Amino acid sequence: MNTVHLPPLFTAMLTAGADPFEAACTAARQGCDAGLVTYDISADRLRAAIVFAPEIALTHAMVMQPICGIGFQNALGTLAPPEVSVHLEWGGALRVNGAKCGTLKTAAHPADPAQVPNWLVVGLGLTLWADTQDTGLTPDVTSLYAEGCSDVPAGDLLEAWVRHTLSWINRWDEDGVQPVHSEWTGLAHGISDNVTVNGLTGTFRGIDETFGLLLQPHGPAQIIPLTHTLKDVS
């Protein structure tokens, strides 16, 4: 698919095999407009990224990552069979029918949580078809087409992801973070499970108002800011 149709104020750029996340970060550093969507679609992978220009401190601007996750869940929900489920990990992993199928990752500059970043990029990586047919070797990892979604065109999914993400950005802008918080929590994978994050192991108790992870190792819960998941693209 060489052309995608996006909502107004979004601009598509095909990266033709290059990493869309890196391409989006490079374009952002060079001063591109917000709303640039870089993408690359192959037989086995869908990769894309969106450039944002936040007007709030990075701690709060990180809401774009969970919003993009909700947008992906909503998008696949409109295109996939009704029995297909999507859940979101705090660190960005996307699970389809319980197994990891893709990931979201975020970069920003500057990466100081207290500063307003010049730009922020959220990237999407999705496995459409696995390298191996023996899925029993990796039961916690899957591909979109192995989960009954072979009739979902990758280009349509990309377009739907951007549309639904925009819808949630508008809702966040109008109603604040609470609807996003509630929606994401309902889709979250691993709440009440034991997890290891940043070398700490404890129970995943939920998220705070800025989507920091509430981790309870032994005693009082600790908050791990979502900015700790930022990728270094310097």
Protein backbone atom coordinates (compact mmCIF):
# COMPACT_ATOMS: atom_id res chain seq x y z
CA MET A 1 0.00 0.00 0.00
CA ASN A 2 1.71 3.18 -1.17
CA THR A 3 -0.95 5.71 -0.17
CA VAL A 4 -2.84 6.08 3.08
CA HIS A 5 -5.74 8.44 3.69
CA LEU A 6 -5.48 10.32 6.95
CA PRO A 7 -7.61 12.91 8.73
CA PRO A 8 -6.95 16.62 8.05
CA LEU A 9 -3.77 18.02 9.67
CA PHE A 10 -2.05 14.63 9.34
CA THR A 11 0.51 14.02 6.59
CA ALA A 12 1.67 10.56 5.52
CA MET A 13 5.27 9.78 4.59
CA LEU A 14 6.26 6.34 3.32
CA THR A 15 9.75 5.39 4.53
CA ALA A 16 10.23 2.59 1.98
CA GLY A 17 11.90 0.05 4.25
CA ALA A 18 13.55 2.49 6.64
CA ASP A 19 12.50 2.55 10.29
CA PRO A 20 9.50 4.92 10.55
CA PHE A 21 10.23 5.65 14.23
CA GLU A 22 13.76 6.82 13.48
CA ALA A 23 12.53 8.72 10.42
CA ALA A 24 9.88 10.51 12.47
CA CYS A 25 12.41 11.47 15.16
CA THR A 26 14.79 12.79 12.50
CA ALA A 27 12.01 14.80 10.87
CA ALA A 28 10.95 16.18 14.26
CA ARG A 29 14.52 17.27 15.03
CA GLN A 30 14.56 19.07 11.68
CA GLY A 31 11.41 20.98 12.58
CA CYS A 32 8.63 19.16 10.73
CA ASP A 33 5.02 19.98 11.54
CA ALA A 34 3.10 17.99 14.10
CA GLY A 35 0.85 15.39 12.54
CA LEU A 36 3.49 13.76 10.36
CA VAL A 37 2.80 10.01 10.12
CA THR A 38 5.70 7.93 8.88
CA TYR A 39 5.02 4.34 7.91
CA ASP A 40 6.32 1.19 6.27
CA ILE A 41 4.25 -1.89 5.48
CA SER A 42 5.76 -5.21 4.46
CA ALA A 43 4.37 -8.72 4.19
CA ASP A 44 5.16 -9.46 7.82
CA ARG A 45 5.27 -6.09 9.60
CA LEU A 46 3.41 -2.83 10.01
CA ARG A 47 5.55 -0.01 11.37
CA ALA A 48 4.46 3.58 11.83
CA ALA A 49 5.04 6.67 13.96
CA ILE A 50 3.26 9.94 14.72
CA VAL A 51 4.95 13.26 15.47
CA PHE A 52 3.37 15.42 18.19
CA ALA A 53 4.17 18.96 19.36
CA PRO A 54 3.08 19.06 23.02
CA GLU A 55 2.32 22.30 24.83
CA ILE A 56 2.59 20.79 28.32
CA ALA A 57 5.40 19.32 30.39
CA LEU A 58 6.66 15.94 29.28
CA THR A 59 5.33 14.20 32.40
CA HIS A 60 1.80 15.05 31.25
CA ALA A 61 2.51 14.85 27.51
CA MET A 62 3.39 11.16 27.92
CA VAL A 63 -0.38 10.58 27.87
CA MET A 64 0.09 10.32 24.09
CA GLN A 65 1.51 6.81 24.53
CA PRO A 66 -1.55 5.34 26.30
CA ILE A 67 -3.81 7.31 23.95
CA CYS A 68 -2.07 5.68 20.99
CA GLY A 69 -2.55 2.31 22.67
CA ILE A 70 -6.27 2.92 23.13
CA GLY A 71 -6.42 4.12 19.53
CA PHE A 72 -4.87 0.86 18.37
CA GLN A 73 -7.32 -1.23 20.40
CA ASN A 74 -10.27 0.73 19.04
CA ALA A 75 -8.95 0.51 15.48
CA LEU A 76 -8.42 -3.24 15.51
CA GLY A 77 -11.77 -3.64 17.24
CA THR A 78 -13.53 -2.10 14.26
CA LEU A 79 -11.73 -4.29 11.71
CA ALA A 80 -11.11 -7.66 13.39
CA PRO A 81 -13.58 -10.44 14.23
CA PRO A 82 -15.45 -9.74 17.49
CA GLU A 83 -13.71 -12.56 19.37
CA VAL A 84 -10.28 -10.92 18.96
CA SER A 85 -9.13 -9.15 22.14
CA VAL A 86 -6.48 -6.48 22.58
CA HIS A 87 -4.76 -5.57 25.85
CA LEU A 88 -2.09 -3.01 26.65
CA GLU A 89 1.03 -3.38 28.76
CA TRP A 90 2.29 -0.40 30.75
CA GLY A 91 5.66 -0.49 29.00
CA GLY A 92 4.07 -0.32 25.55
CA ALA A 93 3.63 -3.95 24.50
CA LEU A 94 0.44 -4.77 22.60
CA ARG A 95 -1.22 -8.12 23.26
CA VAL A 96 -3.68 -9.78 20.90
CA ASN A 97 -5.64 -12.68 22.39
CA GLY A 98 -3.26 -12.63 25.35
CA ALA A 99 0.06 -12.87 23.49
CA LYS A 100 2.51 -10.14 22.51
CA CYS A 101 1.92 -9.00 18.95
CA GLY A 102 3.51 -5.56 18.82
CA THR A 103 4.68 -2.58 20.78
CA LEU A 104 4.45 1.17 21.19
CA LYS A 105 7.53 3.24 21.96
CA THR A 106 8.03 6.92 22.61
CA ALA A 107 10.84 9.45 22.26
CA ALA A 108 10.91 13.15 23.06
CA HIS A 109 13.29 16.09 23.17
CA PRO A 110 14.23 17.34 25.62
CA ALA A 111 13.57 14.31 27.79
CA ASP A 112 13.34 16.29 31.03
CA PRO A 113 9.97 15.38 32.58
CA ALA A 114 9.49 18.92 33.89
CA GLN A 115 10.08 20.64 30.54
CA VAL A 116 7.76 21.12 27.58
CA PRO A 117 9.33 19.00 24.82
CA ASN A 118 9.98 20.47 21.40
CA TRP A 119 8.59 17.27 19.95
CA LEU A 120 7.32 13.84 20.94
CA VAL A 121 7.08 10.77 18.72
CA VAL A 122 5.07 7.61 19.36
CA GLY A 123 5.96 4.61 17.22
CA LEU A 124 3.91 1.50 16.48
CA GLY A 125 5.43 -1.85 15.56
CA LEU A 126 3.12 -4.76 14.77
CA THR A 127 3.92 -8.30 13.66
CA LEU A 128 1.55 -9.28 10.86
CA TRP A 129 3.00 -12.71 10.22
CA ALA A 130 5.52 -14.64 12.33
CA ASP A 131 8.88 -15.82 11.04
CA THR A 132 8.12 -19.36 12.19
CA GLN A 133 5.01 -21.48 11.80
CA ASP A 134 5.70 -23.36 15.05
CA THR A 135 3.92 -20.98 17.43
CA GLY A 136 4.19 -23.58 20.20
CA LEU A 137 7.83 -22.59 20.66
CA THR A 138 6.81 -19.04 21.67
CA PRO A 139 3.34 -19.25 23.23
CA ASP A 140 3.59 -15.71 24.63
CA VAL A 141 4.33 -14.21 21.20
CA THR A 142 1.95 -14.13 18.25
CA SER A 143 1.20 -12.37 14.98
CA LEU A 144 -1.91 -10.53 13.89
CA TYR A 145 -2.77 -12.90 11.06
CA ALA A 146 -2.29 -15.97 13.27
CA GLU A 147 -5.03 -14.61 15.53
CA GLY A 148 -7.80 -14.67 12.95
CA CYS A 149 -7.11 -11.25 11.44
CA SER A 150 -5.81 -12.28 8.02
CA ASP A 151 -8.61 -10.29 6.38
CA VAL A 152 -7.53 -7.04 8.06
CA PRO A 153 -5.55 -4.95 5.53
CA ALA A 154 -2.53 -3.37 7.19
CA GLY A 155 -3.13 -0.07 5.46
CA ASP A 156 -6.69 0.10 6.70
CA LEU A 157 -5.48 -0.66 10.22
CA LEU A 158 -2.93 2.16 10.00
CA GLU A 159 -5.57 4.62 8.88
CA ALA A 160 -7.96 3.50 11.60
CA TRP A 161 -5.21 3.76 14.23
CA VAL A 162 -4.61 7.41 13.36
CA ARG A 163 -8.35 8.21 13.27
CA HIS A 164 -9.11 6.60 16.62
CA THR A 165 -6.01 8.09 18.21
CA LEU A 166 -7.16 11.53 17.04
CA SER A 167 -10.59 10.88 18.51
CA TRP A 168 -9.05 10.13 21.90
CA ILE A 169 -6.76 13.16 21.71
CA ASN A 170 -9.84 15.30 21.16
CA ARG A 171 -11.60 13.67 24.08
CA TRP A 172 -8.56 14.19 26.32
CA ASP A 173 -8.38 17.82 25.22
CA GLU A 174 -12.06 18.38 26.03
CA ASP A 175 -12.60 16.18 29.11
CA GLY A 176 -9.17 15.83 30.67
CA VAL A 177 -7.18 12.75 31.54
CA GLN A 178 -9.84 10.84 33.50
CA PRO A 179 -11.61 9.20 30.50
CA VAL A 180 -8.23 8.12 29.12
CA HIS A 181 -7.20 6.78 32.51
CA SER A 182 -10.41 4.77 32.86
CA GLU A 183 -10.30 3.40 29.30
CA TRP A 184 -6.65 2.40 29.54
CA THR A 185 -7.11 0.72 32.92
CA GLY A 186 -9.91 -1.39 31.47
CA LEU A 187 -7.56 -2.59 28.72
CA ALA A 188 -4.45 -2.99 30.89
CA HIS A 189 -2.60 -6.29 31.02
CA GLY A 190 -1.04 -7.48 34.26
CA ILE A 191 -2.73 -5.41 36.96
CA SER A 192 -2.44 -7.34 40.26
CA ASP A 193 0.30 -9.53 38.77
CA ASN A 194 3.90 -9.66 39.93
CA VAL A 195 6.10 -7.74 37.49
CA THR A 196 9.69 -6.57 37.26
CA VAL A 197 10.25 -2.98 36.16
CA ASN A 198 13.54 -1.09 36.28
CA GLY A 199 15.06 -3.88 38.33
CA LEU A 200 12.29 -3.78 40.93
CA THR A 201 9.90 -6.70 41.43
CA GLY A 202 6.49 -6.30 43.01
CA THR A 203 2.77 -6.24 42.43
CA PHE A 204 1.38 -4.02 39.66
CA ARG A 205 -1.30 -2.07 41.55
CA GLY A 206 -2.38 0.27 38.74
CA ILE A 207 -1.41 3.72 37.48
CA ASP A 208 -1.41 7.22 38.89
CA GLU A 209 -2.85 10.35 37.24
CA THR A 210 0.17 10.70 34.92
CA PHE A 211 0.22 6.97 34.08
CA GLY A 212 3.08 6.19 36.40
CA LEU A 213 3.14 2.53 37.39
CA LEU A 214 2.21 1.80 41.00
CA LEU A 215 4.53 -1.01 42.03
CA GLN A 216 4.31 -2.60 45.47
CA PRO A 217 7.43 -4.65 46.20
CA HIS A 218 7.29 -4.96 50.00
CA GLY A 219 5.57 -2.26 51.97
CA PRO A 220 4.32 1.03 50.44
CA ALA A 221 3.82 1.23 46.69
CA GLN A 222 6.41 3.02 44.57
CA ILE A 223 5.62 5.09 41.49
CA ILE A 224 7.66 4.48 38.32
CA PRO A 225 7.05 7.42 35.95
CA LEU A 226 6.00 6.63 32.39
CA THR A 227 8.91 8.79 31.23
CA HIS A 228 11.18 5.91 32.31
CA THR A 229 10.01 4.08 29.17
CA LEU A 230 11.33 6.80 26.82
CA LYS A 231 13.69 5.63 24.09
CA ASP A 232 17.04 7.34 23.64
CA VAL A 233 17.32 8.46 20.03
CA SER A 234 20.11 10.99 20.49
